[in-house]
Amino acid sequence: MFVICIGGGVIKQRIAHKGGGRFGEFRKFVLFRRGELAFFVYGFAKSDRANLRRSELATFRLLAGEYLALDGTRWRRLRALPGCDRLFAVPTRLIIEASATGRLI
């Protein structure tokens, strides 16, 4: 797994698929603040598309600003909204450990 900070609280993870070559890779985009929480927002196979559009990256950066600023009370209110019950946050320690071992989370 290779991690690139693309700014504004967004990181891109390149995840290799065994035997897949470059086009067998996957891309995963995560809203990230070191030492706090991370939110997976989008992923795709490299064979399906080359990269994000600029408008998508801009949207993820806006989301990062909002999501990474949530405190516990605001996070619970957000999860209580219709359709938001599947939102979850991951402690960044798990992402760092997964990057070091090559495991996915």
C-alpha atoms as a PDB file:
ATOM      1  CA  MET A   1       0.000   0.000   0.000  1.00  0.00           C
ATOM      2  CA  PHE A   2       1.327   3.412  -0.955  1.00  0.00           C
ATOM      3  CA  VAL A   3      -0.131   6.551   0.684  1.00  0.00           C
ATOM      4  CA  ILE A   4      -0.060  10.040  -0.843  1.00  0.00           C
ATOM      5  CA  CYS A   5      -1.273  13.199   0.889  1.00  0.00           C
ATOM      6  CA  ILE A   6      -3.130  15.177  -1.776  1.00  0.00           C
ATOM      7  CA  GLY A   7      -3.923  18.123   0.485  1.00  0.00           C
ATOM      8  CA  GLY A   8      -6.872  19.555   2.311  1.00  0.00           C
ATOM      9  CA  GLY A   9      -7.169  16.592   4.668  1.00  0.00           C
ATOM     10  CA  VAL A  10      -7.424  14.022   1.842  1.00  0.00           C
ATOM     11  CA  ILE A  11      -5.086  11.091   1.277  1.00  0.00           C
ATOM     12  CA  LYS A  12      -4.987   8.645  -1.618  1.00  0.00           C
ATOM     13  CA  GLN A  13      -3.981   5.069  -0.986  1.00  0.00           C
ATOM     14  CA  ARG A  14      -2.704   2.971  -3.862  1.00  0.00           C
ATOM     15  CA  ILE A  15      -3.448  -0.655  -3.162  1.00  0.00           C
ATOM     16  CA  ALA A  16      -1.853  -3.335  -5.309  1.00  0.00           C
ATOM     17  CA  HIS A  17      -3.767  -6.415  -6.341  1.00  0.00           C
ATOM     18  CA  LYS A  18      -1.511  -9.458  -6.389  1.00  0.00           C
ATOM     19  CA  GLY A  19      -0.572 -10.283  -9.978  1.00  0.00           C
ATOM     20  CA  GLY A  20      -2.603  -7.400 -11.346  1.00  0.00           C
ATOM     21  CA  GLY A  21       0.166  -5.090 -12.546  1.00  0.00           C
ATOM     22  CA  ARG A  22      -0.365  -1.350 -12.564  1.00  0.00           C
ATOM     23  CA  PHE A  23      -3.922  -1.594 -13.872  1.00  0.00           C
ATOM     24  CA  GLY A  24      -4.709  -4.189 -11.213  1.00  0.00           C
ATOM     25  CA  GLU A  25      -4.315  -1.546  -8.518  1.00  0.00           C
ATOM     26  CA  PHE A  26      -7.090   0.094  -6.549  1.00  0.00           C
ATOM     27  CA  ARG A  27      -7.367   3.675  -5.324  1.00  0.00           C
ATOM     28  CA  LYS A  28      -8.909   4.528  -1.974  1.00  0.00           C
ATOM     29  CA  PHE A  29      -9.576   8.103  -0.841  1.00  0.00           C
ATOM     30  CA  VAL A  30      -9.675   8.875   2.864  1.00  0.00           C
ATOM     31  CA  LEU A  31     -10.375  12.062   4.824  1.00  0.00           C
ATOM     32  CA  PHE A  32      -7.507  12.032   7.300  1.00  0.00           C
ATOM     33  CA  ARG A  33      -6.121  13.912  10.281  1.00  0.00           C
ATOM     34  CA  ARG A  34      -3.034  12.326  11.870  1.00  0.00           C
ATOM     35  CA  GLY A  35      -3.562  11.193  15.438  1.00  0.00           C
ATOM     36  CA  GLU A  36      -7.338  11.563  15.257  1.00  0.00           C
ATOM     37  CA  LEU A  37      -9.830   9.943  12.877  1.00  0.00           C
ATOM     38  CA  ALA A  38     -10.109   8.953   9.243  1.00  0.00           C
ATOM     39  CA  PHE A  39     -13.123   8.507   6.979  1.00  0.00           C
ATOM     40  CA  PHE A  40     -13.116   6.344   3.868  1.00  0.00           C
ATOM     41  CA  VAL A  41     -15.027   8.261   1.189  1.00  0.00           C
ATOM     42  CA  TYR A  42     -14.403   6.603  -2.172  1.00  0.00           C
ATOM     43  CA  GLY A  43     -12.565   3.833  -3.948  1.00  0.00           C
ATOM     44  CA  PHE A  44     -12.182   2.428  -7.448  1.00  0.00           C
ATOM     45  CA  ALA A  45     -10.176   0.001  -9.531  1.00  0.00           C
ATOM     46  CA  LYS A  46      -7.460   1.652 -11.612  1.00  0.00           C
ATOM     47  CA  SER A  47      -8.749  -0.315 -14.597  1.00  0.00           C
ATOM     48  CA  ASP A  48     -12.139   1.449 -14.264  1.00  0.00           C
ATOM     49  CA  ARG A  49     -10.868   5.032 -14.282  1.00  0.00           C
ATOM     50  CA  ALA A  50      -7.593   6.963 -14.259  1.00  0.00           C
ATOM     51  CA  ASN A  51      -8.164   9.329 -11.350  1.00  0.00           C
ATOM     52  CA  LEU A  52     -10.569  11.706  -9.629  1.00  0.00           C
ATOM     53  CA  ARG A  53     -11.939  14.716 -11.449  1.00  0.00           C
ATOM     54  CA  ARG A  54     -10.893  18.074  -9.992  1.00  0.00           C
ATOM     55  CA  SER A  55     -14.482  18.704  -8.902  1.00  0.00           C
ATOM     56  CA  GLU A  56     -14.513  15.407  -6.955  1.00  0.00           C
ATOM     57  CA  LEU A  57     -11.258  16.264  -5.202  1.00  0.00           C
ATOM     58  CA  ALA A  58     -12.613  19.718  -4.315  1.00  0.00           C
ATOM     59  CA  THR A  59     -15.723  18.078  -2.840  1.00  0.00           C
ATOM     60  CA  PHE A  60     -13.624  15.646  -0.779  1.00  0.00           C
ATOM     61  CA  ARG A  61     -11.569  18.566   0.563  1.00  0.00           C
ATOM     62  CA  LEU A  62     -14.778  20.341   1.629  1.00  0.00           C
ATOM     63  CA  LEU A  63     -15.986  17.151   3.300  1.00  0.00           C
ATOM     64  CA  ALA A  64     -12.635  16.788   5.067  1.00  0.00           C
ATOM     65  CA  GLY A  65     -12.993  20.263   6.537  1.00  0.00           C
ATOM     66  CA  GLU A  66     -16.428  19.399   7.884  1.00  0.00           C
ATOM     67  CA  TYR A  67     -15.962  15.785   8.978  1.00  0.00           C
ATOM     68  CA  LEU A  68     -12.560  16.246  10.602  1.00  0.00           C
ATOM     69  CA  ALA A  69     -13.922  19.132  12.677  1.00  0.00           C
ATOM     70  CA  LEU A  70     -16.770  17.087  14.184  1.00  0.00           C
ATOM     71  CA  ASP A  71     -16.771  16.605  17.933  1.00  0.00           C
ATOM     72  CA  GLY A  72     -18.491  13.641  19.599  1.00  0.00           C
ATOM     73  CA  THR A  73     -21.892  15.305  19.934  1.00  0.00           C
ATOM     74  CA  ARG A  74     -21.994  16.558  16.336  1.00  0.00           C
ATOM     75  CA  TRP A  75     -20.801  13.160  15.087  1.00  0.00           C
ATOM     76  CA  ARG A  76     -23.687  11.407  16.886  1.00  0.00           C
ATOM     77  CA  ARG A  77     -26.183  13.924  15.442  1.00  0.00           C
ATOM     78  CA  LEU A  78     -24.852  13.340  11.936  1.00  0.00           C
ATOM     79  CA  ARG A  79     -25.125   9.560  12.303  1.00  0.00           C
ATOM     80  CA  ALA A  80     -28.725   9.955  13.504  1.00  0.00           C
ATOM     81  CA  LEU A  81     -29.785  11.573  10.193  1.00  0.00           C
ATOM     82  CA  PRO A  82     -31.683   9.373   7.701  1.00  0.00           C
ATOM     83  CA  GLY A  83     -29.247   7.522   5.467  1.00  0.00           C
ATOM     84  CA  CYS A  84     -26.217   8.297   7.629  1.00  0.00           C
ATOM     85  CA  ASP A  85     -26.395   5.250   9.891  1.00  0.00           C
ATOM     86  CA  ARG A  86     -23.621   3.551   7.871  1.00  0.00           C
ATOM     87  CA  LEU A  87     -21.079   6.336   8.459  1.00  0.00           C
ATOM     88  CA  PHE A  88     -18.148   5.321  10.588  1.00  0.00           C
ATOM     89  CA  ALA A  89     -14.766   6.695  11.602  1.00  0.00           C
ATOM     90  CA  VAL A  90     -11.563   4.746  12.071  1.00  0.00           C
ATOM     91  CA  PRO A  91      -8.819   5.691  14.540  1.00  0.00           C
ATOM     92  CA  THR A  92      -5.803   6.771  12.465  1.00  0.00           C
ATOM     93  CA  ARG A  93      -3.588   4.385  14.441  1.00  0.00           C
ATOM     94  CA  LEU A  94      -5.284   1.536  12.546  1.00  0.00           C
ATOM     95  CA  ILE A  95      -4.594   3.141   9.165  1.00  0.00           C
ATOM     96  CA  ILE A  96      -0.937   3.686  10.049  1.00  0.00           C
ATOM     97  CA  GLU A  97      -0.607   0.070  11.227  1.00  0.00           C
ATOM     98  CA  ALA A  98      -2.348  -1.220   8.103  1.00  0.00           C
ATOM     99  CA  SER A  99      -0.037   0.844   5.860  1.00  0.00           C
ATOM    100  CA  ALA A 100       3.016  -0.533   7.631  1.00  0.00           C
ATOM    101  CA  THR A 101       1.901  -4.152   7.301  1.00  0.00           C
ATOM    102  CA  GLY A 102       0.261  -3.898   3.883  1.00  0.00           C
ATOM    103  CA  ARG A 103      -3.091  -5.047   5.294  1.00  0.00           C
ATOM    104  CA  LEU A 104      -6.328  -3.404   4.346  1.00  0.00           C
ATOM    105  CA  ILE A 105      -8.736  -2.059   6.909  1.00  0.00           C
END
